[in-house]
Amino acid sequence: MPDTARRRTLEIQHHATEIRIFEEGKLIAGHPVLEGKALRRVEPAHRKAPPPRPPHQMPGQGLRRPLEFYDAVGRRLDSVSLWRSRADISEQLAAERQRTAQLGRAQVAMAGRLQEAAAEADALQARLAAVGRTADDGCLDRRLPEGLLE
């Protein structure tokens, strides 16, 4: 069937040796019957030619660069050392782990000191309460009697 008749209503007549296609009572195509199942025959005259492709164009001179440019880029990348060896990366990772461990130990020590300070503050509050005073009284600004904190 021609490409130009794809979206129109057509009448198909199947005869023993030929298939005829009619549009509005007018014969627009005729084809011999093909022997066998699910066979197709494409009549080249019924197909539109694909649109011509523009010829392949080479990029303009402005887009081409001399080999010296790429050589300079390679040297610059080498000097920046974007690529590190596995040993360098392993060494840096070990140093980071060591710093993390040191920070962890420092945090544990600080937490212990904070617990000790909190315990001392609780003991001081208890001793002040025993003498009928509170930290809000301003008593900590004056010298406490000897033996009170012991």
N, C-alpha and C. Protein backbone atom coordinates (compact mmCIF):
# COMPACT_ATOMS: atom_id res chain seq x y z
N MET A 1 0.85 -1.15 0.00
CA MET A 1 0.00 0.00 0.00
C MET A 1 0.91 1.23 0.00
N PRO A 2 0.62 2.22 -0.79
CA PRO A 2 1.46 3.41 -0.84
C PRO A 2 1.44 4.18 0.49
N ASP A 3 2.55 4.87 0.79
CA ASP A 3 2.65 5.66 2.02
C ASP A 3 1.55 6.72 2.08
N THR A 4 1.16 7.24 0.96
CA THR A 4 0.16 8.32 0.95
C THR A 4 -1.22 7.81 1.33
N ALA A 5 -1.46 6.50 1.33
CA ALA A 5 -2.79 5.95 1.63
C ALA A 5 -2.87 5.37 3.03
N ARG A 6 -1.92 5.64 3.89
CA ARG A 6 -1.87 4.99 5.21
C ARG A 6 -3.03 5.32 6.12
N ARG A 7 -3.53 6.52 6.12
CA ARG A 7 -4.55 6.90 7.10
C ARG A 7 -5.94 7.03 6.46
N ARG A 8 -6.11 6.46 5.34
CA ARG A 8 -7.41 6.55 4.66
C ARG A 8 -8.07 5.18 4.65
N THR A 9 -9.38 5.18 4.43
CA THR A 9 -10.13 3.94 4.34
C THR A 9 -10.00 3.39 2.92
N LEU A 10 -9.57 2.13 2.83
CA LEU A 10 -9.34 1.49 1.53
C LEU A 10 -10.15 0.21 1.44
N GLU A 11 -10.39 -0.21 0.23
CA GLU A 11 -11.08 -1.48 -0.02
C GLU A 11 -10.06 -2.45 -0.59
N ILE A 12 -9.96 -3.63 0.01
CA ILE A 12 -9.01 -4.65 -0.44
C ILE A 12 -9.81 -5.79 -1.06
N GLN A 13 -9.46 -6.16 -2.30
CA GLN A 13 -10.08 -7.31 -2.97
C GLN A 13 -9.01 -8.37 -3.14
N HIS A 14 -9.31 -9.55 -2.62
CA HIS A 14 -8.36 -10.66 -2.69
C HIS A 14 -8.85 -11.63 -3.76
N HIS A 15 -8.10 -11.74 -4.86
CA HIS A 15 -8.42 -12.67 -5.94
C HIS A 15 -7.44 -13.82 -5.91
N ALA A 16 -7.62 -14.81 -6.74
CA ALA A 16 -6.78 -16.01 -6.73
C ALA A 16 -5.34 -15.69 -7.07
N THR A 17 -5.08 -14.79 -7.95
CA THR A 17 -3.70 -14.52 -8.37
C THR A 17 -3.25 -13.09 -8.06
N GLU A 18 -4.17 -12.27 -7.58
CA GLU A 18 -3.81 -10.86 -7.39
C GLU A 18 -4.59 -10.25 -6.22
N ILE A 19 -3.97 -9.27 -5.57
CA ILE A 19 -4.63 -8.47 -4.54
C ILE A 19 -4.79 -7.08 -5.13
N ARG A 20 -6.02 -6.54 -5.03
CA ARG A 20 -6.27 -5.21 -5.57
C ARG A 20 -6.71 -4.29 -4.44
N ILE A 21 -6.19 -3.05 -4.47
CA ILE A 21 -6.51 -2.06 -3.45
C ILE A 21 -7.20 -0.89 -4.13
N PHE A 22 -8.41 -0.56 -3.57
CA PHE A 22 -9.23 0.51 -4.15
C PHE A 22 -9.42 1.62 -3.11
N GLU A 23 -9.44 2.84 -3.63
CA GLU A 23 -9.78 3.99 -2.79
C GLU A 23 -10.91 4.73 -3.48
N GLU A 24 -12.04 4.84 -2.78
CA GLU A 24 -13.24 5.50 -3.32
C GLU A 24 -13.61 4.93 -4.70
N GLY A 25 -13.49 3.61 -4.82
CA GLY A 25 -13.87 2.93 -6.05
C GLY A 25 -12.81 2.96 -7.14
N LYS A 26 -11.70 3.60 -6.92
CA LYS A 26 -10.65 3.71 -7.93
C LYS A 26 -9.49 2.80 -7.54
N LEU A 27 -9.01 1.98 -8.49
CA LEU A 27 -7.88 1.07 -8.25
C LEU A 27 -6.62 1.91 -8.07
N ILE A 28 -5.94 1.75 -6.87
CA ILE A 28 -4.71 2.51 -6.65
C ILE A 28 -3.49 1.60 -6.59
N ALA A 29 -3.70 0.27 -6.42
CA ALA A 29 -2.55 -0.64 -6.40
C ALA A 29 -3.02 -2.05 -6.68
N GLY A 30 -2.14 -2.85 -7.26
CA GLY A 30 -2.40 -4.26 -7.50
C GLY A 30 -1.10 -5.03 -7.34
N HIS A 31 -1.17 -6.18 -6.64
CA HIS A 31 0.03 -6.97 -6.38
C HIS A 31 -0.27 -8.44 -6.59
N PRO A 32 0.71 -9.20 -7.05
CA PRO A 32 0.48 -10.64 -7.17
C PRO A 32 0.44 -11.27 -5.78
N VAL A 33 -0.30 -12.35 -5.63
CA VAL A 33 -0.40 -13.08 -4.35
C VAL A 33 0.91 -13.82 -4.13
N LEU A 34 1.44 -13.75 -2.92
CA LEU A 34 2.68 -14.46 -2.57
C LEU A 34 2.33 -15.81 -1.97
N GLU A 35 3.04 -16.84 -2.39
CA GLU A 35 2.81 -18.18 -1.88
C GLU A 35 3.49 -18.32 -0.51
N GLY A 36 2.80 -18.90 0.46
CA GLY A 36 3.37 -19.10 1.79
C GLY A 36 2.64 -18.23 2.81
N LYS A 37 3.12 -18.34 4.06
CA LYS A 37 2.46 -17.62 5.15
C LYS A 37 3.31 -16.42 5.57
N ALA A 38 2.64 -15.35 5.96
CA ALA A 38 3.25 -14.15 6.53
C ALA A 38 4.39 -13.60 5.68
N LEU A 39 4.22 -13.63 4.37
CA LEU A 39 5.23 -13.07 3.49
C LEU A 39 4.86 -11.63 3.14
N ARG A 40 5.88 -10.82 2.90
CA ARG A 40 5.64 -9.42 2.54
C ARG A 40 6.42 -9.08 1.28
N ARG A 41 5.86 -8.16 0.58
CA ARG A 41 6.55 -7.65 -0.61
C ARG A 41 6.38 -6.14 -0.60
N VAL A 42 7.48 -5.44 -0.62
CA VAL A 42 7.43 -3.98 -0.59
C VAL A 42 7.73 -3.47 -2.00
N GLU A 43 6.79 -2.76 -2.53
CA GLU A 43 6.95 -2.16 -3.86
C GLU A 43 7.70 -0.85 -3.68
N PRO A 44 8.91 -0.74 -4.22
CA PRO A 44 9.71 0.48 -4.03
C PRO A 44 9.01 1.74 -4.51
N ALA A 45 8.19 1.63 -5.51
CA ALA A 45 7.52 2.82 -6.04
C ALA A 45 6.47 3.36 -5.07
N HIS A 46 6.03 2.54 -4.11
CA HIS A 46 5.01 2.97 -3.16
C HIS A 46 5.60 3.66 -1.93
N ARG A 47 6.90 3.66 -1.78
CA ARG A 47 7.55 4.23 -0.60
C ARG A 47 8.20 5.55 -0.94
N LYS A 48 8.14 6.46 0.04
CA LYS A 48 8.82 7.74 -0.11
C LYS A 48 10.30 7.52 0.16
N ALA A 49 11.11 8.22 -0.56
CA ALA A 49 12.55 8.14 -0.31
C ALA A 49 12.87 8.90 0.97
N PRO A 50 13.79 8.39 1.76
CA PRO A 50 14.15 9.12 2.98
C PRO A 50 14.77 10.46 2.61
N PRO A 51 14.61 11.45 3.48
CA PRO A 51 15.19 12.76 3.15
C PRO A 51 16.70 12.67 3.07
N PRO A 52 17.29 13.40 2.14
CA PRO A 52 18.75 13.31 1.99
C PRO A 52 19.45 13.87 3.23
N ARG A 53 20.53 13.21 3.61
CA ARG A 53 21.33 13.65 4.75
C ARG A 53 22.31 14.72 4.30
N PRO A 54 22.54 15.69 5.15
CA PRO A 54 23.57 16.67 4.78
C PRO A 54 24.93 15.99 4.78
N PRO A 55 25.82 16.41 3.91
CA PRO A 55 27.13 15.76 3.87
C PRO A 55 27.86 15.98 5.20
N HIS A 56 28.62 14.96 5.59
CA HIS A 56 29.36 15.03 6.85
C HIS A 56 30.43 16.11 6.74
N GLN A 57 30.42 17.01 7.69
CA GLN A 57 31.37 18.10 7.64
C GLN A 57 32.41 17.91 8.73
N MET A 58 33.62 18.21 8.41
CA MET A 58 34.70 18.18 9.38
C MET A 58 34.58 19.39 10.27
N PRO A 59 34.99 19.27 11.54
CA PRO A 59 34.92 20.45 12.41
C PRO A 59 35.79 21.57 11.87
N GLY A 60 35.38 22.78 12.17
CA GLY A 60 36.11 23.94 11.69
C GLY A 60 37.51 24.01 12.27
N GLN A 61 38.34 24.81 11.66
CA GLN A 61 39.73 24.94 12.09
C GLN A 61 39.82 25.45 13.52
N GLY A 62 38.85 26.26 13.95
CA GLY A 62 38.87 26.80 15.29
C GLY A 62 38.76 25.73 16.37
N LEU A 63 38.18 24.57 16.05
CA LEU A 63 38.02 23.51 17.03
C LEU A 63 39.22 22.58 17.09
N ARG A 64 40.07 22.63 16.13
CA ARG A 64 41.26 21.77 16.13
C ARG A 64 42.35 22.42 16.96
N ARG A 65 43.08 21.60 17.69
CA ARG A 65 44.18 22.12 18.49
C ARG A 65 45.45 21.40 18.09
N PRO A 66 46.57 22.08 18.16
CA PRO A 66 47.84 21.42 17.82
C PRO A 66 48.21 20.40 18.89
N LEU A 67 49.03 19.44 18.51
CA LEU A 67 49.44 18.39 19.45
C LEU A 67 50.20 18.97 20.65
N GLU A 68 50.85 20.10 20.48
CA GLU A 68 51.58 20.72 21.58
C GLU A 68 50.64 21.08 22.72
N PHE A 69 49.42 21.46 22.36
CA PHE A 69 48.43 21.80 23.39
C PHE A 69 48.17 20.60 24.29
N TYR A 70 47.93 19.44 23.67
CA TYR A 70 47.63 18.24 24.44
C TYR A 70 48.86 17.78 25.24
N ASP A 71 50.03 18.00 24.69
CA ASP A 71 51.26 17.68 25.41
C ASP A 71 51.36 18.54 26.66
N ALA A 72 51.05 19.84 26.54
CA ALA A 72 51.11 20.74 27.69
C ALA A 72 50.06 20.35 28.74
N VAL A 73 48.88 19.95 28.30
CA VAL A 73 47.84 19.52 29.23
C VAL A 73 48.32 18.28 30.00
N GLY A 74 48.93 17.33 29.30
CA GLY A 74 49.43 16.13 29.96
C GLY A 74 50.51 16.44 30.98
N ARG A 75 51.41 17.34 30.63
CA ARG A 75 52.46 17.72 31.59
C ARG A 75 51.88 18.41 32.81
N ARG A 76 50.89 19.24 32.59
CA ARG A 76 50.26 19.94 33.72
C ARG A 76 49.56 18.95 34.64
N LEU A 77 48.87 17.99 34.07
CA LEU A 77 48.19 16.99 34.90
C LEU A 77 49.21 16.17 35.69
N ASP A 78 50.35 15.86 35.08
CA ASP A 78 51.40 15.13 35.80
C ASP A 78 51.94 15.95 36.97
N SER A 79 52.10 17.25 36.76
CA SER A 79 52.68 18.09 37.80
C SER A 79 51.72 18.29 38.96
N VAL A 80 50.43 18.29 38.68
CA VAL A 80 49.44 18.47 39.73
C VAL A 80 49.30 17.21 40.56
N SER A 81 49.68 16.09 40.01
CA SER A 81 49.60 14.81 40.69
C SER A 81 48.17 14.47 41.09
N LEU A 82 47.29 14.49 40.10
CA LEU A 82 45.91 14.11 40.37
C LEU A 82 45.80 12.63 40.71
N TRP A 83 46.68 11.86 40.18
CA TRP A 83 46.64 10.42 40.40
C TRP A 83 47.64 10.08 41.48
N ARG A 84 47.17 9.54 42.57
CA ARG A 84 48.04 9.16 43.67
C ARG A 84 48.18 7.65 43.68
N SER A 85 49.32 7.22 44.16
CA SER A 85 49.55 5.78 44.20
C SER A 85 48.74 5.16 45.33
N ARG A 86 48.57 3.89 45.26
CA ARG A 86 47.83 3.17 46.29
C ARG A 86 48.54 3.31 47.64
N ALA A 87 49.87 3.31 47.63
CA ALA A 87 50.64 3.45 48.87
C ALA A 87 50.39 4.82 49.50
N ASP A 88 50.33 5.88 48.66
CA ASP A 88 50.06 7.21 49.19
C ASP A 88 48.68 7.26 49.84
N ILE A 89 47.71 6.67 49.19
CA ILE A 89 46.36 6.67 49.73
C ILE A 89 46.30 5.87 51.03
N SER A 90 46.97 4.72 51.07
CA SER A 90 46.99 3.90 52.29
C SER A 90 47.66 4.64 53.43
N GLU A 91 48.74 5.35 53.12
CA GLU A 91 49.45 6.12 54.15
C GLU A 91 48.56 7.24 54.70
N GLN A 92 47.86 7.93 53.83
CA GLN A 92 46.97 9.00 54.27
C GLN A 92 45.83 8.43 55.11
N LEU A 93 45.30 7.29 54.71
CA LEU A 93 44.22 6.67 55.46
C LEU A 93 44.69 6.25 56.85
N ALA A 94 45.91 5.71 56.96
CA ALA A 94 46.44 5.31 58.26
C ALA A 94 46.61 6.53 59.16
N ALA A 95 47.09 7.64 58.60
CA ALA A 95 47.25 8.86 59.39
C ALA A 95 45.90 9.37 59.88
N GLU A 96 44.88 9.32 59.03
CA GLU A 96 43.54 9.74 59.44
C GLU A 96 42.99 8.85 60.54
N ARG A 97 43.23 7.56 60.43
CA ARG A 97 42.77 6.64 61.48
C ARG A 97 43.46 6.92 62.81
N GLN A 98 44.76 7.24 62.76
CA GLN A 98 45.52 7.54 63.97
C GLN A 98 44.98 8.82 64.61
N ARG A 99 44.72 9.85 63.79
CA ARG A 99 44.15 11.08 64.34
C ARG A 99 42.78 10.84 64.96
N THR A 100 41.99 10.02 64.31
CA THR A 100 40.67 9.71 64.84
C THR A 100 40.78 8.98 66.17
N ALA A 101 41.73 8.05 66.27
CA ALA A 101 41.93 7.33 67.54
C ALA A 101 42.37 8.28 68.64
N GLN A 102 43.27 9.22 68.32
CA GLN A 102 43.74 10.19 69.31
C GLN A 102 42.57 11.06 69.78
N LEU A 103 41.75 11.50 68.83
CA LEU A 103 40.59 12.29 69.21
C LEU A 103 39.64 11.49 70.08
N GLY A 104 39.48 10.22 69.76
CA GLY A 104 38.60 9.37 70.56
C GLY A 104 39.12 9.23 71.99
N ARG A 105 40.44 9.04 72.14
CA ARG A 105 41.03 8.94 73.48
C ARG A 105 40.87 10.25 74.23
N ALA A 106 41.05 11.38 73.52
CA ALA A 106 40.90 12.69 74.17
C ALA A 106 39.45 12.90 74.61
N GLN A 107 38.51 12.45 73.80
CA GLN A 107 37.10 12.59 74.17
C GLN A 107 36.78 11.74 75.40
N VAL A 108 37.33 10.54 75.46
CA VAL A 108 37.09 9.68 76.62
C VAL A 108 37.67 10.33 77.87
N ALA A 109 38.89 10.88 77.75
CA ALA A 109 39.52 11.54 78.90
C ALA A 109 38.70 12.75 79.33
N MET A 110 38.23 13.55 78.37
CA MET A 110 37.43 14.73 78.68
C MET A 110 36.12 14.32 79.35
N ALA A 111 35.51 13.28 78.88
CA ALA A 111 34.26 12.81 79.48
C ALA A 111 34.51 12.38 80.93
N GLY A 112 35.63 11.72 81.17
CA GLY A 112 35.97 11.33 82.55
C GLY A 112 36.16 12.54 83.44
N ARG A 113 36.87 13.58 82.91
CA ARG A 113 37.07 14.80 83.70
C ARG A 113 35.74 15.50 83.98
N LEU A 114 34.85 15.50 82.98
CA LEU A 114 33.54 16.12 83.19
C LEU A 114 32.73 15.37 84.24
N GLN A 115 32.83 14.06 84.25
CA GLN A 115 32.13 13.28 85.27
C GLN A 115 32.69 13.59 86.66
N GLU A 116 34.01 13.70 86.74
CA GLU A 116 34.63 14.04 88.02
C GLU A 116 34.19 15.42 88.48
N ALA A 117 34.17 16.40 87.56
CA ALA A 117 33.75 17.75 87.92
C ALA A 117 32.29 17.76 88.36
N ALA A 118 31.45 16.99 87.68
CA ALA A 118 30.05 16.93 88.07
C ALA A 118 29.90 16.32 89.46
N ALA A 119 30.69 15.29 89.74
CA ALA A 119 30.64 14.66 91.07
C ALA A 119 31.10 15.65 92.14
N GLU A 120 32.16 16.43 91.85
CA GLU A 120 32.64 17.44 92.80
C GLU A 120 31.57 18.51 93.02
N ALA A 121 30.90 18.92 91.95
CA ALA A 121 29.84 19.93 92.07
C ALA A 121 28.69 19.40 92.91
N ASP A 122 28.34 18.14 92.73
CA ASP A 122 27.27 17.53 93.53
C ASP A 122 27.67 17.49 95.00
N ALA A 123 28.94 17.13 95.26
CA ALA A 123 29.42 17.07 96.65
C ALA A 123 29.39 18.46 97.27
N LEU A 124 29.80 19.48 96.52
CA LEU A 124 29.79 20.84 97.02
C LEU A 124 28.36 21.29 97.31
N GLN A 125 27.44 20.99 96.43
CA GLN A 125 26.03 21.34 96.65
C GLN A 125 25.53 20.68 97.93
N ALA A 126 25.90 19.41 98.13
CA ALA A 126 25.45 18.69 99.32
C ALA A 126 26.02 19.33 100.59
N ARG A 127 27.30 19.73 100.57
CA ARG A 127 27.91 20.34 101.75
C ARG A 127 27.29 21.71 102.04
N LEU A 128 27.02 22.45 100.94
CA LEU A 128 26.37 23.74 101.14
C LEU A 128 24.98 23.58 101.71
N ALA A 129 24.26 22.58 101.24
CA ALA A 129 22.92 22.33 101.75
C ALA A 129 22.98 21.95 103.23
N ALA A 130 24.06 21.26 103.63
CA ALA A 130 24.20 20.84 105.03
C ALA A 130 24.34 22.04 105.96
N VAL A 131 24.88 23.14 105.47
CA VAL A 131 25.03 24.33 106.32
C VAL A 131 23.94 25.35 106.05
N GLY A 132 22.97 24.99 105.21
CA GLY A 132 21.84 25.86 104.96
C GLY A 132 22.10 26.93 103.92
N ARG A 133 23.04 26.75 103.07
CA ARG A 133 23.36 27.73 102.05
C ARG A 133 23.17 27.09 100.67
N THR A 134 23.06 27.91 99.61
CA THR A 134 23.02 27.43 98.24
C THR A 134 24.05 28.20 97.43
N ALA A 135 24.37 27.69 96.27
CA ALA A 135 25.34 28.37 95.41
C ALA A 135 24.80 29.71 94.95
N ASP A 136 23.47 29.88 94.94
CA ASP A 136 22.87 31.12 94.49
C ASP A 136 22.98 32.23 95.52
N ASP A 137 23.32 31.88 96.76
CA ASP A 137 23.44 32.88 97.83
C ASP A 137 24.67 33.75 97.65
N GLY A 138 25.56 33.39 96.78
CA GLY A 138 26.80 34.14 96.63
C GLY A 138 27.86 33.71 97.61
N CYS A 139 27.62 32.62 98.27
CA CYS A 139 28.58 32.17 99.27
C CYS A 139 29.87 31.67 98.63
N LEU A 140 29.82 31.30 97.36
CA LEU A 140 31.02 30.81 96.71
C LEU A 140 31.97 31.96 96.39
N ASP A 141 31.45 33.19 96.45
CA ASP A 141 32.31 34.33 96.20
C ASP A 141 33.19 34.63 97.41
N ARG A 142 32.78 34.21 98.60
CA ARG A 142 33.55 34.43 99.82
C ARG A 142 34.30 33.17 100.19
N ARG A 143 35.23 33.35 101.05
CA ARG A 143 36.00 32.20 101.52
C ARG A 143 35.13 31.37 102.47
N LEU A 144 35.07 30.06 102.17
CA LEU A 144 34.28 29.16 103.01
C LEU A 144 35.10 28.78 104.24
N PRO A 145 34.40 28.45 105.31
CA PRO A 145 35.11 28.03 106.52
C PRO A 145 35.99 26.82 106.26
N GLU A 146 37.11 26.76 106.93
CA GLU A 146 38.03 25.63 106.80
C GLU A 146 37.31 24.34 107.17
N GLY A 147 37.62 23.27 106.43
CA GLY A 147 37.09 21.95 106.75
C GLY A 147 35.71 21.68 106.18
N LEU A 148 35.05 22.72 105.63
CA LEU A 148 33.71 22.51 105.08
C LEU A 148 33.75 21.64 103.85
N LEU A 149 34.74 21.82 103.03
CA LEU A 149 34.80 21.08 101.77
C LEU A 149 35.53 19.76 101.90
N GLU A 150 36.05 19.43 103.04
CA GLU A 150 36.85 18.20 103.17
C GLU A 150 36.00 17.02 103.54
